[in-house]
Amino acid sequence: MQRVSPKTADQYEHLFAQFNIGEDCPVFDGIYDYCAISTGASLSGVARLNHGLSDIAINWSGGLHHAKKREASGFCYVNDIVIGILELLKYHPRVLYVDIDIHHGDGVQVA
């Protein structure tokens, strides 16, 4: 993902179908940074929760609930929610996940 951009997309086009990259989840400049920042913000909130520094964490740039383990979906490339929940479960026996989006979070369900 770090090497893919609109300029280099033709070099990786043979992998697009495998990872559901295309019309619904296009390649764009900064795709890697977008994913890293969004997921990093969720993990930052999780770290604060896990270490008792916060009672609530909200990542307004996150919530990419359609991405699957090996497949982008619904403009979601990395499922920051699932990654965050897995980290929370290392410290807490249960995690409450509330999805207020109008669309079903199928990536979270599959995980």
Protein backbone atom coordinates (compact mmCIF):
# COMPACT_ATOMS: atom_id res chain seq x y z
CA MET A 1 0.00 0.00 0.00
CA GLN A 2 2.90 2.33 0.73
CA ARG A 3 4.05 2.20 -2.90
CA VAL A 4 0.67 2.54 -4.62
CA SER A 5 -0.42 5.87 -6.04
CA PRO A 6 -2.35 6.91 -9.13
CA LYS A 7 1.02 7.26 -10.92
CA THR A 8 2.15 3.72 -10.03
CA ALA A 9 -1.27 2.01 -10.05
CA ASP A 10 -0.65 0.27 -13.38
CA GLN A 11 2.25 -1.66 -11.80
CA TYR A 12 -0.08 -3.15 -9.18
CA GLU A 13 -3.28 -3.45 -11.20
CA HIS A 14 -2.99 -7.25 -11.26
CA LEU A 15 -3.56 -7.23 -7.46
CA PHE A 16 -6.55 -4.88 -7.41
CA ALA A 17 -9.26 -7.52 -7.81
CA GLN A 18 -7.67 -9.67 -5.08
CA PHE A 19 -7.97 -6.83 -2.55
CA ASN A 20 -11.14 -5.21 -3.97
CA ILE A 21 -9.40 -2.05 -5.14
CA GLY A 22 -11.33 -0.24 -7.85
CA GLU A 23 -14.40 1.96 -8.19
CA ASP A 24 -15.63 1.49 -4.61
CA CYS A 25 -12.12 1.73 -3.13
CA PRO A 26 -9.94 3.66 -5.57
CA VAL A 27 -6.22 4.32 -5.41
CA PHE A 28 -5.51 7.95 -4.52
CA ASP A 29 -2.48 10.03 -3.58
CA GLY A 30 -1.75 9.60 0.11
CA ILE A 31 -3.70 6.34 0.53
CA TYR A 32 -1.07 4.88 2.88
CA ASP A 33 -0.90 8.02 5.02
CA TYR A 34 -4.70 8.17 5.15
CA CYS A 35 -4.83 4.61 6.52
CA ALA A 36 -1.90 5.11 8.90
CA ILE A 37 -3.29 8.34 10.37
CA SER A 38 -6.81 7.00 10.78
CA THR A 39 -5.72 3.71 12.34
CA GLY A 40 -3.03 5.42 14.40
CA ALA A 41 -5.60 7.80 15.88
CA SER A 42 -7.78 4.86 16.91
CA LEU A 43 -4.79 3.08 18.44
CA SER A 44 -3.86 6.24 20.31
CA GLY A 45 -7.34 6.33 21.84
CA VAL A 46 -7.10 2.63 22.68
CA ALA A 47 -3.76 3.14 24.43
CA ARG A 48 -5.28 5.91 26.56
CA LEU A 49 -8.20 3.64 27.47
CA ASN A 50 -5.96 0.67 28.22
CA HIS A 51 -3.75 2.72 30.54
CA GLY A 52 -6.58 4.45 32.38
CA LEU A 53 -5.87 7.89 30.92
CA SER A 54 -9.35 8.23 29.38
CA ASP A 55 -12.80 6.82 29.97
CA ILE A 56 -14.03 7.44 26.42
CA ALA A 57 -12.23 7.60 23.09
CA ILE A 58 -13.65 8.88 19.81
CA ASN A 59 -11.82 8.98 16.50
CA TRP A 60 -13.86 11.12 14.11
CA SER A 61 -11.57 10.13 11.23
CA GLY A 62 -11.96 6.42 11.98
CA GLY A 63 -14.82 3.99 11.99
CA LEU A 64 -13.82 2.29 8.77
CA HIS A 65 -16.13 -0.63 9.46
CA HIS A 66 -16.43 -2.15 5.98
CA ALA A 67 -12.81 -3.26 5.49
CA LYS A 68 -12.14 -6.97 5.84
CA LYS A 69 -8.90 -8.71 6.76
CA ARG A 70 -7.77 -8.97 3.14
CA GLU A 71 -10.26 -6.80 1.29
CA ALA A 72 -11.08 -3.12 1.03
CA SER A 73 -14.77 -2.23 0.91
CA GLY A 74 -16.95 0.86 1.04
CA PHE A 75 -13.98 3.26 0.90
CA CYS A 76 -12.56 1.45 3.95
CA TYR A 77 -9.03 0.11 3.41
CA VAL A 78 -8.05 -0.79 7.00
CA ASN A 79 -10.58 -1.65 9.70
CA ASP A 80 -9.34 0.51 12.56
CA ILE A 81 -12.28 -0.60 14.69
CA VAL A 82 -11.33 -4.27 14.66
CA ILE A 83 -7.67 -3.44 15.27
CA GLY A 84 -8.69 -1.26 18.22
CA ILE A 85 -11.04 -3.87 19.67
CA LEU A 86 -8.32 -6.53 19.49
CA GLU A 87 -5.98 -4.23 21.44
CA LEU A 88 -8.69 -3.41 23.99
CA LEU A 89 -9.31 -7.12 24.58
CA LYS A 90 -5.70 -7.49 25.74
CA TYR A 91 -6.60 -5.38 28.80
CA HIS A 92 -10.36 -5.74 29.18
CA PRO A 93 -12.55 -8.88 29.27
CA ARG A 94 -15.35 -7.24 27.24
CA VAL A 95 -15.62 -4.38 24.79
CA LEU A 96 -18.80 -2.51 23.83
CA TYR A 97 -18.81 -1.43 20.18
CA VAL A 98 -21.57 1.00 19.14
CA ASP A 99 -21.89 1.74 15.44
CA ILE A 100 -24.01 4.83 14.68
CA ASP A 101 -23.49 4.71 10.91
CA ILE A 102 -26.55 4.08 8.77
CA HIS A 103 -24.70 1.25 6.99
CA HIS A 104 -24.08 -2.14 8.59
CA GLY A 105 -20.46 -2.62 9.76
CA ASP A 106 -19.95 -5.86 7.87
CA GLY A 107 -16.16 -5.84 8.29
CA VAL A 108 -16.51 -5.75 12.07
CA GLN A 109 -19.08 -8.54 11.97
CA VAL A 110 -16.88 -10.77 9.80
CA ALA A 111 -13.91 -10.27 12.13
